Amino acid sequence: MTYDLYIGDQAFSTWSLRGWLMLEKFGLSFNTHLLGLYSGTMQSDLAPLAPARLVPVMQTPEGDVVGETLAMAETLAERHPDAGHWPQDAGLRSAARWLCAEMASGFSALRSECPMQLFHVNEGFHVSDGVRADLDRIETLWAWARSRSGDQGDWLFGEYSLADVFYAPVAARMVGYDLPMTAFASAYCERTISDQAFIAWRTEGLKKTYDPFPYPVTAKTRPWPEVS
């Protein structure tokens, strides 16, 4: 049973990262297809997958096309109930769904002002009131998730779940723009970017060069944190 996943550039496409992690981290078999997100061919690349118009897009082994990461997540969790996409505890499952849904619809300031890029760390980034409010909300949700799980395990709800999938690009943004955060959030971000699946994703993204670079770069940058 092999899925097909259609994604954008690994160094920049947050939603593609989420789609990839929800397959990769839960041991599902899939093939990855890179579409022309920045080369101008994405719409023609997606034509065979109509009515899909954004990445990522998943095609099931039976040929059904599924767009939107929330729909992809629920489809995979339904088809693979033993894979562990959601926490086993019903209360934690509800909480994890809440966090994923809020991520999918919220944090507009962080998403617009800090587009994900995995090449370097921007220093001296000006944190607007909107970004600050988003960071405060994210920290509130993360702390609440950990308290709900009794601070067990390494991830938001103890074991790795779709909640961690959905917040992986958020953590990457926070690292990539050197955003202010508590020690707890910093440790979670470090854990996220040190995960072997995330490292593998970033490694693929760095194989491609861009001229010009798609997103603004601050006057001063430093290398992406070394992880092992």
N, C-alpha and C. Protein backbone atom coordinates (compact mmCIF):
# COMPACT_ATOMS: atom_id res chain seq x y z
N MET A 1 0.86 -1.19 0.00
CA MET A 1 0.00 0.00 0.00
C MET A 1 0.88 1.23 0.00
N THR A 2 1.02 1.86 -1.15
CA THR A 2 1.93 3.00 -1.30
C THR A 2 1.14 4.23 -1.74
N TYR A 3 1.40 5.34 -1.05
CA TYR A 3 0.77 6.61 -1.37
C TYR A 3 1.68 7.41 -2.29
N ASP A 4 1.11 8.40 -2.96
CA ASP A 4 1.89 9.37 -3.73
C ASP A 4 1.65 10.74 -3.12
N LEU A 5 2.74 11.44 -2.82
CA LEU A 5 2.65 12.76 -2.20
C LEU A 5 3.29 13.78 -3.12
N TYR A 6 2.56 14.82 -3.44
CA TYR A 6 3.02 15.88 -4.33
C TYR A 6 3.30 17.13 -3.48
N ILE A 7 4.52 17.62 -3.56
CA ILE A 7 4.97 18.67 -2.65
C ILE A 7 5.63 19.83 -3.40
N GLY A 8 5.83 20.94 -2.66
CA GLY A 8 6.61 22.06 -3.16
C GLY A 8 8.03 21.99 -2.63
N ASP A 9 8.79 23.05 -2.80
CA ASP A 9 10.20 23.07 -2.42
C ASP A 9 10.37 22.80 -0.92
N GLN A 10 11.28 21.87 -0.60
CA GLN A 10 11.43 21.46 0.80
C GLN A 10 11.97 22.55 1.71
N ALA A 11 12.74 23.48 1.18
CA ALA A 11 13.32 24.51 2.03
C ALA A 11 12.31 25.58 2.44
N PHE A 12 11.15 25.63 1.78
CA PHE A 12 10.21 26.73 2.01
C PHE A 12 8.76 26.31 2.25
N SER A 13 8.33 25.21 1.73
CA SER A 13 6.91 24.87 1.75
C SER A 13 6.50 24.22 3.07
N THR A 14 5.89 25.03 3.94
CA THR A 14 5.49 24.55 5.26
C THR A 14 4.45 23.45 5.18
N TRP A 15 3.45 23.66 4.33
CA TRP A 15 2.38 22.67 4.25
C TRP A 15 2.89 21.36 3.66
N SER A 16 3.83 21.46 2.73
CA SER A 16 4.43 20.24 2.17
C SER A 16 5.17 19.46 3.25
N LEU A 17 5.87 20.18 4.13
CA LEU A 17 6.56 19.53 5.24
C LEU A 17 5.57 18.76 6.10
N ARG A 18 4.43 19.37 6.39
CA ARG A 18 3.42 18.68 7.20
C ARG A 18 2.93 17.41 6.50
N GLY A 19 2.64 17.52 5.21
CA GLY A 19 2.17 16.35 4.49
C GLY A 19 3.19 15.23 4.49
N TRP A 20 4.45 15.58 4.33
CA TRP A 20 5.51 14.58 4.29
C TRP A 20 5.70 13.92 5.66
N LEU A 21 5.69 14.72 6.72
CA LEU A 21 5.89 14.16 8.06
C LEU A 21 4.76 13.21 8.46
N MET A 22 3.53 13.50 8.05
CA MET A 22 2.43 12.63 8.47
C MET A 22 2.47 11.27 7.79
N LEU A 23 3.28 11.14 6.77
CA LEU A 23 3.55 9.83 6.17
C LEU A 23 4.86 9.25 6.69
N GLU A 24 5.90 10.03 6.64
CA GLU A 24 7.24 9.58 7.01
C GLU A 24 7.34 9.16 8.48
N LYS A 25 6.82 9.98 9.38
CA LYS A 25 7.00 9.72 10.81
C LYS A 25 6.16 8.56 11.31
N PHE A 26 5.19 8.11 10.53
CA PHE A 26 4.33 7.04 10.99
C PHE A 26 4.51 5.76 10.19
N GLY A 27 5.65 5.70 9.47
CA GLY A 27 6.06 4.46 8.82
C GLY A 27 5.22 4.03 7.65
N LEU A 28 4.61 4.99 6.95
CA LEU A 28 3.78 4.63 5.81
C LEU A 28 4.59 4.69 4.51
N SER A 29 4.28 3.82 3.60
CA SER A 29 4.99 3.76 2.33
C SER A 29 4.46 4.82 1.37
N PHE A 30 5.36 5.60 0.78
CA PHE A 30 4.91 6.64 -0.16
C PHE A 30 6.04 7.05 -1.09
N ASN A 31 5.64 7.58 -2.23
CA ASN A 31 6.55 8.18 -3.20
C ASN A 31 6.36 9.69 -3.17
N THR A 32 7.46 10.43 -3.26
CA THR A 32 7.40 11.89 -3.22
C THR A 32 7.61 12.45 -4.62
N HIS A 33 6.78 13.42 -5.00
CA HIS A 33 6.88 14.07 -6.30
C HIS A 33 7.01 15.58 -6.08
N LEU A 34 8.10 16.15 -6.56
CA LEU A 34 8.38 17.58 -6.37
C LEU A 34 7.79 18.38 -7.52
N LEU A 35 6.92 19.34 -7.18
CA LEU A 35 6.28 20.18 -8.18
C LEU A 35 6.97 21.54 -8.25
N GLY A 36 6.69 22.29 -9.32
CA GLY A 36 7.40 23.54 -9.57
C GLY A 36 6.79 24.72 -8.85
N LEU A 37 6.91 24.76 -7.52
CA LEU A 37 6.33 25.83 -6.73
C LEU A 37 6.90 27.19 -7.10
N TYR A 38 8.21 27.26 -7.35
CA TYR A 38 8.85 28.54 -7.67
C TYR A 38 9.28 28.65 -9.12
N SER A 39 9.08 27.61 -9.90
CA SER A 39 9.47 27.66 -11.30
C SER A 39 8.31 28.04 -12.21
N GLY A 40 7.13 28.21 -11.62
CA GLY A 40 5.97 28.64 -12.41
C GLY A 40 5.20 27.52 -13.06
N THR A 41 5.51 26.27 -12.75
CA THR A 41 4.82 25.16 -13.41
C THR A 41 3.84 24.44 -12.49
N MET A 42 3.63 24.94 -11.28
CA MET A 42 2.85 24.17 -10.31
C MET A 42 1.44 23.88 -10.80
N GLN A 43 0.76 24.86 -11.38
CA GLN A 43 -0.62 24.63 -11.80
C GLN A 43 -0.71 23.57 -12.89
N SER A 44 0.21 23.61 -13.84
CA SER A 44 0.19 22.57 -14.87
C SER A 44 0.59 21.22 -14.29
N ASP A 45 1.51 21.24 -13.31
CA ASP A 45 1.91 19.99 -12.66
C ASP A 45 0.73 19.37 -11.91
N LEU A 46 -0.13 20.24 -11.37
CA LEU A 46 -1.26 19.76 -10.57
C LEU A 46 -2.47 19.37 -11.43
N ALA A 47 -2.45 19.72 -12.69
CA ALA A 47 -3.61 19.49 -13.56
C ALA A 47 -4.14 18.05 -13.50
N PRO A 48 -3.28 17.04 -13.51
CA PRO A 48 -3.81 15.67 -13.44
C PRO A 48 -4.47 15.33 -12.11
N LEU A 49 -4.28 16.22 -11.10
CA LEU A 49 -4.82 15.96 -9.77
C LEU A 49 -6.01 16.87 -9.46
N ALA A 50 -6.64 17.43 -10.49
CA ALA A 50 -7.78 18.34 -10.31
C ALA A 50 -8.84 17.71 -9.41
N PRO A 51 -9.46 18.53 -8.52
CA PRO A 51 -9.40 20.00 -8.47
C PRO A 51 -8.34 20.56 -7.54
N ALA A 52 -7.30 19.78 -7.22
CA ALA A 52 -6.23 20.28 -6.35
C ALA A 52 -5.57 21.51 -6.98
N ARG A 53 -5.29 22.51 -6.15
CA ARG A 53 -4.62 23.71 -6.65
C ARG A 53 -3.46 24.15 -5.79
N LEU A 54 -3.26 23.48 -4.65
CA LEU A 54 -2.17 23.82 -3.74
C LEU A 54 -1.45 22.55 -3.32
N VAL A 55 -0.21 22.71 -2.89
CA VAL A 55 0.53 21.58 -2.31
C VAL A 55 0.43 21.66 -0.79
N PRO A 56 0.48 20.48 -0.14
CA PRO A 56 0.67 19.15 -0.71
C PRO A 56 -0.65 18.54 -1.17
N VAL A 57 -0.52 17.54 -2.01
CA VAL A 57 -1.66 16.73 -2.43
C VAL A 57 -1.25 15.27 -2.28
N MET A 58 -2.16 14.49 -1.77
CA MET A 58 -1.90 13.06 -1.57
C MET A 58 -2.82 12.25 -2.46
N GLN A 59 -2.27 11.19 -3.03
CA GLN A 59 -3.08 10.25 -3.80
C GLN A 59 -2.99 8.89 -3.11
N THR A 60 -4.14 8.33 -2.80
CA THR A 60 -4.17 7.04 -2.11
C THR A 60 -3.77 5.92 -3.07
N PRO A 61 -3.45 4.75 -2.53
CA PRO A 61 -3.13 3.62 -3.41
C PRO A 61 -4.26 3.27 -4.36
N GLU A 62 -5.49 3.64 -3.98
CA GLU A 62 -6.64 3.36 -4.84
C GLU A 62 -6.86 4.45 -5.90
N GLY A 63 -6.06 5.52 -5.82
CA GLY A 63 -6.14 6.58 -6.81
C GLY A 63 -6.95 7.80 -6.39
N ASP A 64 -7.50 7.80 -5.17
CA ASP A 64 -8.26 8.95 -4.70
C ASP A 64 -7.31 10.10 -4.38
N VAL A 65 -7.69 11.32 -4.79
CA VAL A 65 -6.88 12.51 -4.56
C VAL A 65 -7.41 13.23 -3.32
N VAL A 66 -6.49 13.57 -2.40
CA VAL A 66 -6.86 14.26 -1.16
C VAL A 66 -5.98 15.50 -1.02
N GLY A 67 -6.61 16.67 -0.96
CA GLY A 67 -5.89 17.90 -0.72
C GLY A 67 -6.14 18.39 0.70
N GLU A 68 -5.44 19.44 1.10
CA GLU A 68 -5.55 20.05 2.43
C GLU A 68 -5.03 19.10 3.51
N THR A 69 -4.09 19.59 4.31
CA THR A 69 -3.40 18.73 5.26
C THR A 69 -4.32 18.18 6.36
N LEU A 70 -5.31 18.95 6.79
CA LEU A 70 -6.23 18.40 7.79
C LEU A 70 -6.98 17.20 7.24
N ALA A 71 -7.42 17.29 6.00
CA ALA A 71 -8.12 16.16 5.37
C ALA A 71 -7.17 14.98 5.17
N MET A 72 -5.95 15.27 4.78
CA MET A 72 -4.96 14.22 4.62
C MET A 72 -4.70 13.52 5.96
N ALA A 73 -4.57 14.33 7.01
CA ALA A 73 -4.29 13.77 8.34
C ALA A 73 -5.40 12.83 8.79
N GLU A 74 -6.65 13.27 8.66
CA GLU A 74 -7.77 12.43 9.09
C GLU A 74 -7.90 11.19 8.23
N THR A 75 -7.63 11.33 6.93
CA THR A 75 -7.69 10.17 6.04
C THR A 75 -6.68 9.12 6.45
N LEU A 76 -5.45 9.55 6.72
CA LEU A 76 -4.41 8.60 7.10
C LEU A 76 -4.69 7.98 8.46
N ALA A 77 -5.17 8.79 9.41
CA ALA A 77 -5.48 8.25 10.73
C ALA A 77 -6.60 7.23 10.66
N GLU A 78 -7.58 7.47 9.79
CA GLU A 78 -8.69 6.55 9.62
C GLU A 78 -8.24 5.25 8.95
N ARG A 79 -7.37 5.39 7.95
CA ARG A 79 -6.93 4.21 7.20
C ARG A 79 -5.89 3.40 7.96
N HIS A 80 -5.18 4.04 8.89
CA HIS A 80 -4.11 3.36 9.63
C HIS A 80 -4.29 3.62 11.13
N PRO A 81 -5.33 3.04 11.73
CA PRO A 81 -5.65 3.34 13.12
C PRO A 81 -4.57 2.94 14.12
N ASP A 82 -3.68 2.05 13.74
CA ASP A 82 -2.63 1.61 14.65
C ASP A 82 -1.31 2.35 14.46
N ALA A 83 -1.28 3.30 13.53
CA ALA A 83 -0.03 4.01 13.25
C ALA A 83 0.31 5.03 14.32
N GLY A 84 -0.68 5.50 15.07
CA GLY A 84 -0.40 6.45 16.14
C GLY A 84 -0.44 7.90 15.74
N HIS A 85 -1.19 8.23 14.70
CA HIS A 85 -1.27 9.63 14.28
C HIS A 85 -1.83 10.52 15.39
N TRP A 86 -2.88 10.05 16.07
CA TRP A 86 -3.47 10.80 17.18
C TRP A 86 -3.16 10.10 18.50
N PRO A 87 -3.14 10.83 19.60
CA PRO A 87 -2.95 10.19 20.91
C PRO A 87 -4.03 9.15 21.17
N GLN A 88 -3.68 8.12 21.92
CA GLN A 88 -4.64 7.06 22.21
C GLN A 88 -5.75 7.53 23.13
N ASP A 89 -5.41 8.37 24.10
CA ASP A 89 -6.41 8.88 25.04
C ASP A 89 -7.39 9.81 24.33
N ALA A 90 -8.69 9.61 24.57
CA ALA A 90 -9.71 10.39 23.86
C ALA A 90 -9.60 11.88 24.16
N GLY A 91 -9.35 12.23 25.42
CA GLY A 91 -9.21 13.64 25.76
C GLY A 91 -8.01 14.28 25.09
N LEU A 92 -6.92 13.56 25.04
CA LEU A 92 -5.73 14.09 24.37
C LEU A 92 -5.94 14.17 22.86
N ARG A 93 -6.70 13.23 22.30
CA ARG A 93 -7.01 13.30 20.87
C ARG A 93 -7.76 14.58 20.54
N SER A 94 -8.76 14.88 21.36
CA SER A 94 -9.54 16.10 21.14
C SER A 94 -8.64 17.34 21.23
N ALA A 95 -7.76 17.35 22.22
CA ALA A 95 -6.86 18.49 22.39
C ALA A 95 -5.90 18.60 21.22
N ALA A 96 -5.39 17.48 20.75
CA ALA A 96 -4.46 17.50 19.61
C ALA A 96 -5.16 17.99 18.35
N ARG A 97 -6.40 17.58 18.15
CA ARG A 97 -7.17 18.07 16.99
C ARG A 97 -7.37 19.59 17.08
N TRP A 98 -7.64 20.08 18.28
CA TRP A 98 -7.81 21.51 18.49
C TRP A 98 -6.54 22.25 18.09
N LEU A 99 -5.39 21.77 18.56
CA LEU A 99 -4.14 22.45 18.23
C LEU A 99 -3.88 22.45 16.73
N CYS A 100 -4.17 21.34 16.08
CA CYS A 100 -3.94 21.27 14.64
C CYS A 100 -4.87 22.23 13.89
N ALA A 101 -6.14 22.26 14.29
CA ALA A 101 -7.09 23.13 13.62
C ALA A 101 -6.74 24.59 13.82
N GLU A 102 -6.31 24.96 15.03
CA GLU A 102 -5.95 26.35 15.26
C GLU A 102 -4.70 26.73 14.47
N MET A 103 -3.79 25.80 14.33
CA MET A 103 -2.61 26.09 13.52
C MET A 103 -3.00 26.30 12.07
N ALA A 104 -3.90 25.48 11.56
CA ALA A 104 -4.27 25.57 10.16
C ALA A 104 -4.98 26.87 9.82
N SER A 105 -5.67 27.45 10.79
CA SER A 105 -6.46 28.65 10.51
C SER A 105 -5.91 29.92 11.15
N GLY A 106 -4.89 29.80 11.98
CA GLY A 106 -4.44 30.94 12.76
C GLY A 106 -3.02 31.36 12.51
N PHE A 107 -2.52 32.23 13.42
CA PHE A 107 -1.14 32.71 13.41
C PHE A 107 -0.77 33.41 12.11
N SER A 108 -1.68 34.25 11.65
CA SER A 108 -1.49 34.89 10.34
C SER A 108 -0.29 35.82 10.32
N ALA A 109 -0.02 36.51 11.42
CA ALA A 109 1.12 37.43 11.45
C ALA A 109 2.44 36.65 11.35
N LEU A 110 2.57 35.61 12.12
CA LEU A 110 3.78 34.80 12.07
C LEU A 110 3.97 34.21 10.68
N ARG A 111 2.89 33.73 10.08
CA ARG A 111 3.00 33.08 8.79
C ARG A 111 3.34 34.06 7.67
N SER A 112 2.81 35.29 7.76
CA SER A 112 3.08 36.25 6.69
C SER A 112 4.41 36.97 6.87
N GLU A 113 4.81 37.25 8.11
CA GLU A 113 6.02 38.01 8.35
C GLU A 113 7.27 37.15 8.51
N CYS A 114 7.07 35.87 8.78
CA CYS A 114 8.22 34.97 8.98
C CYS A 114 8.06 33.72 8.11
N PRO A 115 8.10 33.86 6.80
CA PRO A 115 7.97 32.67 5.95
C PRO A 115 9.10 31.68 6.22
N MET A 116 8.75 30.41 6.27
CA MET A 116 9.75 29.40 6.60
C MET A 116 10.84 29.33 5.54
N GLN A 117 12.07 29.33 6.00
CA GLN A 117 13.23 29.04 5.15
C GLN A 117 14.23 28.30 6.03
N LEU A 118 14.87 27.28 5.48
CA LEU A 118 15.71 26.39 6.26
C LEU A 118 17.20 26.54 5.97
N PHE A 119 17.57 27.68 5.35
CA PHE A 119 18.96 27.89 4.97
C PHE A 119 19.81 28.51 6.07
N HIS A 120 19.24 29.45 6.81
CA HIS A 120 20.04 30.22 7.77
C HIS A 120 19.13 30.77 8.86
N VAL A 121 19.73 31.45 9.83
CA VAL A 121 18.98 32.14 10.88
C VAL A 121 19.10 33.64 10.64
N ASN A 122 17.97 34.30 10.50
CA ASN A 122 17.96 35.75 10.36
C ASN A 122 18.12 36.40 11.74
N GLU A 123 19.10 37.27 11.87
CA GLU A 123 19.31 37.98 13.13
C GLU A 123 18.74 39.39 13.04
N GLY A 124 18.33 39.92 14.18
CA GLY A 124 17.84 41.29 14.22
C GLY A 124 16.47 41.49 13.61
N PHE A 125 15.68 40.41 13.51
CA PHE A 125 14.35 40.53 12.95
C PHE A 125 13.45 41.33 13.89
N HIS A 126 12.72 42.29 13.34
CA HIS A 126 11.81 43.09 14.15
C HIS A 126 10.53 42.31 14.41
N VAL A 127 10.24 42.08 15.68
CA VAL A 127 9.06 41.32 16.08
C VAL A 127 7.89 42.28 16.24
N SER A 128 6.92 42.21 15.35
CA SER A 128 5.76 43.09 15.41
C SER A 128 4.83 42.67 16.54
N ASP A 129 3.87 43.52 16.85
CA ASP A 129 2.88 43.17 17.87
C ASP A 129 2.09 41.93 17.47
N GLY A 130 1.80 41.80 16.18
CA GLY A 130 1.06 40.64 15.71
C GLY A 130 1.84 39.35 15.89
N VAL A 131 3.12 39.38 15.54
CA VAL A 131 3.96 38.19 15.71
C VAL A 131 4.10 37.87 17.19
N ARG A 132 4.28 38.89 18.02
CA ARG A 132 4.40 38.67 19.46
C ARG A 132 3.14 38.00 20.01
N ALA A 133 1.98 38.47 19.56
CA ALA A 133 0.72 37.87 20.01
C ALA A 133 0.61 36.41 19.57
N ASP A 134 1.04 36.13 18.34
CA ASP A 134 1.02 34.74 17.85
C ASP A 134 1.95 33.86 18.68
N LEU A 135 3.14 34.37 18.98
CA LEU A 135 4.09 33.60 19.78
C LEU A 135 3.54 33.31 21.18
N ASP A 136 2.90 34.30 21.77
CA ASP A 136 2.31 34.10 23.09
C ASP A 136 1.24 33.01 23.04
N ARG A 137 0.42 33.04 22.00
CA ARG A 137 -0.63 32.04 21.87
C ARG A 137 -0.04 30.64 21.65
N ILE A 138 0.97 30.56 20.82
CA ILE A 138 1.63 29.26 20.57
C ILE A 138 2.20 28.70 21.86
N GLU A 139 2.88 29.54 22.63
CA GLU A 139 3.46 29.08 23.88
C GLU A 139 2.37 28.62 24.86
N THR A 140 1.24 29.33 24.88
CA THR A 140 0.12 28.93 25.72
C THR A 140 -0.38 27.54 25.33
N LEU A 141 -0.56 27.32 24.03
CA LEU A 141 -1.06 26.03 23.56
C LEU A 141 -0.06 24.92 23.84
N TRP A 142 1.22 25.17 23.60
CA TRP A 142 2.23 24.15 23.85
C TRP A 142 2.29 23.78 25.33
N ALA A 143 2.27 24.78 26.19
CA ALA A 143 2.33 24.51 27.63
C ALA A 143 1.08 23.74 28.09
N TRP A 144 -0.07 24.12 27.53
CA TRP A 144 -1.32 23.43 27.87
C TRP A 144 -1.27 21.97 27.42
N ALA A 145 -0.75 21.73 26.22
CA ALA A 145 -0.64 20.37 25.72
C ALA A 145 0.24 19.53 26.64
N ARG A 146 1.35 20.09 27.04
CA ARG A 146 2.26 19.34 27.92
C ARG A 146 1.62 19.07 29.27
N SER A 147 0.86 20.04 29.80
CA SER A 147 0.20 19.82 31.08
C SER A 147 -0.88 18.75 30.96
N ARG A 148 -1.59 18.74 29.82
CA ARG A 148 -2.62 17.72 29.61
C ARG A 148 -2.01 16.32 29.56
N SER A 149 -0.80 16.22 29.04
CA SER A 149 -0.15 14.91 28.93
C SER A 149 0.66 14.57 30.16
N GLY A 150 0.60 15.42 31.19
CA GLY A 150 1.36 15.15 32.41
C GLY A 150 2.85 15.28 32.24
N ASP A 151 3.25 16.08 31.23
CA ASP A 151 4.68 16.28 30.95
C ASP A 151 5.40 14.96 30.70
N GLN A 152 4.68 14.00 30.15
CA GLN A 152 5.29 12.71 29.82
C GLN A 152 5.83 12.74 28.39
N GLY A 153 6.88 11.97 28.13
CA GLY A 153 7.43 11.86 26.79
C GLY A 153 8.12 13.14 26.34
N ASP A 154 8.49 13.17 25.07
CA ASP A 154 9.28 14.28 24.53
C ASP A 154 8.47 15.27 23.71
N TRP A 155 7.22 14.93 23.37
CA TRP A 155 6.49 15.73 22.40
C TRP A 155 5.27 16.39 23.04
N LEU A 156 4.49 17.11 22.26
CA LEU A 156 3.42 17.92 22.83
C LEU A 156 2.45 17.10 23.66
N PHE A 157 2.08 15.92 23.18
CA PHE A 157 1.17 15.06 23.93
C PHE A 157 1.84 13.76 24.34
N GLY A 158 3.12 13.84 24.63
CA GLY A 158 3.88 12.67 25.06
C GLY A 158 4.57 12.01 23.88
N GLU A 159 3.86 11.10 23.22
CA GLU A 159 4.38 10.48 22.02
C GLU A 159 4.18 11.41 20.82
N TYR A 160 5.02 11.26 19.81
CA TYR A 160 4.90 12.07 18.60
C TYR A 160 3.54 11.85 17.96
N SER A 161 2.87 12.94 17.59
CA SER A 161 1.53 12.86 17.01
C SER A 161 1.39 13.90 15.91
N LEU A 162 0.20 13.94 15.33
CA LEU A 162 -0.07 14.93 14.29
C LEU A 162 0.06 16.36 14.81
N ALA A 163 -0.11 16.57 16.09
CA ALA A 163 0.10 17.91 16.64
C ALA A 163 1.54 18.36 16.41
N ASP A 164 2.49 17.46 16.58
CA ASP A 164 3.89 17.80 16.34
C ASP A 164 4.17 17.98 14.86
N VAL A 165 3.46 17.23 14.02
CA VAL A 165 3.56 17.42 12.57
C VAL A 165 3.15 18.84 12.20
N PHE A 166 2.02 19.28 12.72
CA PHE A 166 1.48 20.58 12.33
C PHE A 166 2.31 21.74 12.88
N TYR A 167 2.99 21.54 13.99
CA TYR A 167 3.77 22.63 14.56
C TYR A 167 5.26 22.58 14.20
N ALA A 168 5.68 21.57 13.44
CA ALA A 168 7.08 21.51 13.02
C ALA A 168 7.50 22.75 12.23
N PRO A 169 6.72 23.19 11.22
CA PRO A 169 7.11 24.41 10.51
C PRO A 169 7.04 25.66 11.38
N VAL A 170 6.16 25.67 12.38
CA VAL A 170 6.11 26.79 13.31
C VAL A 170 7.42 26.87 14.07
N ALA A 171 7.89 25.72 14.56
CA ALA A 171 9.16 25.69 15.26
C ALA A 171 10.30 26.14 14.34
N ALA A 172 10.24 25.73 13.08
CA ALA A 172 11.28 26.14 12.13
C ALA A 172 11.27 27.64 11.90
N ARG A 173 10.10 28.25 11.85
CA ARG A 173 10.01 29.70 11.72
C ARG A 173 10.62 30.39 12.94
N MET A 174 10.30 29.87 14.11
CA MET A 174 10.81 30.48 15.34
C MET A 174 12.32 30.40 15.40
N VAL A 175 12.88 29.30 14.93
CA VAL A 175 14.34 29.16 14.87
C VAL A 175 14.92 30.05 13.77
N GLY A 176 14.30 30.02 12.60
CA GLY A 176 14.85 30.71 11.44
C GLY A 176 14.85 32.23 11.54
N TYR A 177 14.04 32.78 12.46
CA TYR A 177 14.01 34.23 12.64
C TYR A 177 14.48 34.63 14.04
N ASP A 178 15.06 33.67 14.75
CA ASP A 178 15.64 33.94 16.08
C ASP A 178 14.62 34.66 16.96
N LEU A 179 13.39 34.14 16.98
CA LEU A 179 12.31 34.80 17.69
C LEU A 179 12.43 34.57 19.20
N PRO A 180 11.98 35.53 20.00
CA PRO A 180 12.05 35.37 21.46
C PRO A 180 11.10 34.28 21.92
N MET A 181 11.57 33.44 22.83
CA MET A 181 10.74 32.35 23.33
C MET A 181 11.24 31.92 24.69
N THR A 182 10.39 31.22 25.41
CA THR A 182 10.77 30.70 26.72
C THR A 182 11.73 29.52 26.56
N ALA A 183 12.33 29.13 27.67
CA ALA A 183 13.25 27.99 27.64
C ALA A 183 12.52 26.72 27.20
N PHE A 184 11.27 26.58 27.64
CA PHE A 184 10.49 25.41 27.25
C PHE A 184 10.28 25.37 25.74
N ALA A 185 9.86 26.50 25.17
CA ALA A 185 9.62 26.55 23.73
C ALA A 185 10.91 26.35 22.96
N SER A 186 11.99 26.92 23.46
CA SER A 186 13.29 26.75 22.80
C SER A 186 13.70 25.29 22.76
N ALA A 187 13.47 24.59 23.86
CA ALA A 187 13.82 23.16 23.90
C ALA A 187 12.95 22.36 22.94
N TYR A 188 11.66 22.72 22.84
CA TYR A 188 10.79 22.01 21.91
C TYR A 188 11.21 22.27 20.47
N CYS A 189 11.55 23.51 20.15
CA CYS A 189 12.00 23.83 18.80
C CYS A 189 13.28 23.08 18.46
N GLU A 190 14.19 23.01 19.42
CA GLU A 190 15.44 22.29 19.18
C GLU A 190 15.16 20.81 18.95
N ARG A 191 14.24 20.25 19.73
CA ARG A 191 13.89 18.84 19.56
C ARG A 191 13.30 18.61 18.17
N THR A 192 12.49 19.55 17.72
CA THR A 192 11.85 19.41 16.41
C THR A 192 12.86 19.42 15.28
N ILE A 193 13.77 20.40 15.28
CA ILE A 193 14.72 20.49 14.17
C ILE A 193 15.84 19.46 14.28
N SER A 194 15.94 18.79 15.46
CA SER A 194 16.95 17.74 15.63
C SER A 194 16.41 16.36 15.28
N ASP A 195 15.11 16.28 15.06
CA ASP A 195 14.50 14.99 14.71
C ASP A 195 15.04 14.52 13.36
N GLN A 196 15.31 13.24 13.26
CA GLN A 196 15.97 12.73 12.05
C GLN A 196 15.12 12.92 10.80
N ALA A 197 13.81 12.84 10.93
CA ALA A 197 12.96 13.07 9.75
C ALA A 197 13.07 14.52 9.29
N PHE A 198 13.06 15.46 10.23
CA PHE A 198 13.20 16.87 9.88
C PHE A 198 14.56 17.12 9.23
N ILE A 199 15.60 16.53 9.77
CA ILE A 199 16.94 16.69 9.20
C ILE A 199 16.97 16.17 7.77
N ALA A 200 16.35 15.03 7.53
CA ALA A 200 16.32 14.45 6.18
C ALA A 200 15.58 15.38 5.22
N TRP A 201 14.47 15.95 5.66
CA TRP A 201 13.71 16.89 4.83
C TRP A 201 14.56 18.10 4.49
N ARG A 202 15.19 18.69 5.50
CA ARG A 202 16.01 19.90 5.28
C ARG A 202 17.19 19.59 4.36
N THR A 203 17.80 18.43 4.52
CA THR A 203 18.93 18.04 3.68
C THR A 203 18.55 18.05 2.21
N GLU A 204 17.37 17.54 1.91
CA GLU A 204 16.89 17.55 0.52
C GLU A 204 16.65 18.99 0.06
N GLY A 205 16.10 19.81 0.93
CA GLY A 205 15.82 21.19 0.55
C GLY A 205 17.07 21.99 0.22
N LEU A 206 18.15 21.71 0.91
CA LEU A 206 19.38 22.47 0.70
C LEU A 206 20.12 22.08 -0.58
N LYS A 207 19.66 21.04 -1.25
CA LYS A 207 20.32 20.62 -2.49
C LYS A 207 20.02 21.57 -3.64
N LYS A 208 18.99 22.41 -3.48
CA LYS A 208 18.60 23.32 -4.53
C LYS A 208 19.01 24.74 -4.17
N THR A 209 19.50 25.51 -5.14
CA THR A 209 19.88 26.89 -4.90
C THR A 209 18.88 27.84 -5.55
N TYR A 210 18.83 29.08 -5.02
CA TYR A 210 17.84 30.04 -5.49
C TYR A 210 18.50 31.40 -5.71
N ASP A 211 18.28 31.95 -6.88
CA ASP A 211 18.79 33.28 -7.20
C ASP A 211 17.77 33.99 -8.09
N PRO A 212 17.01 34.95 -7.52
CA PRO A 212 17.16 35.46 -6.16
C PRO A 212 16.52 34.56 -5.13
N PHE A 213 16.88 34.79 -3.86
CA PHE A 213 16.28 34.06 -2.76
C PHE A 213 14.82 34.47 -2.63
N PRO A 214 13.89 33.52 -2.48
CA PRO A 214 12.47 33.85 -2.54
C PRO A 214 11.96 34.79 -1.44
N TYR A 215 12.62 34.81 -0.29
CA TYR A 215 12.10 35.59 0.83
C TYR A 215 13.12 36.59 1.34
N PRO A 216 12.67 37.66 2.00
CA PRO A 216 13.60 38.68 2.51
C PRO A 216 14.62 38.09 3.48
N VAL A 217 15.82 38.64 3.43
CA VAL A 217 16.89 38.23 4.32
C VAL A 217 17.31 39.45 5.14
N THR A 218 17.46 39.28 6.43
CA THR A 218 17.88 40.39 7.27
C THR A 218 19.34 40.75 6.98
N ALA A 219 19.75 41.90 7.49
CA ALA A 219 21.11 42.39 7.20
C ALA A 219 22.17 41.43 7.70
N LYS A 220 21.86 40.71 8.76
CA LYS A 220 22.84 39.79 9.33
C LYS A 220 22.20 38.42 9.53
N THR A 221 22.93 37.39 9.13
CA THR A 221 22.44 36.02 9.34
C THR A 221 23.54 35.18 9.98
N ARG A 222 23.14 34.06 10.51
CA ARG A 222 24.12 33.09 11.02
C ARG A 222 23.69 31.73 10.53
N PRO A 223 24.60 30.75 10.59
CA PRO A 223 24.25 29.41 10.09
C PRO A 223 23.10 28.79 10.86
N TRP A 224 22.38 27.93 10.19
CA TRP A 224 21.33 27.15 10.83
C TRP A 224 21.97 26.34 11.96
N PRO A 225 21.28 26.16 13.09
CA PRO A 225 21.88 25.42 14.22
C PRO A 225 22.36 24.04 13.81
N GLU A 226 23.52 23.68 14.31
CA GLU A 226 24.04 22.33 14.08
C GLU A 226 23.28 21.35 14.95
N VAL A 227 22.83 20.27 14.35
CA VAL A 227 22.11 19.24 15.07
C VAL A 227 22.70 17.89 14.72
N SER A 228 22.43 16.92 15.56
CA SER A 228 22.96 15.59 15.29
C SER A 228 21.90 14.54 15.56
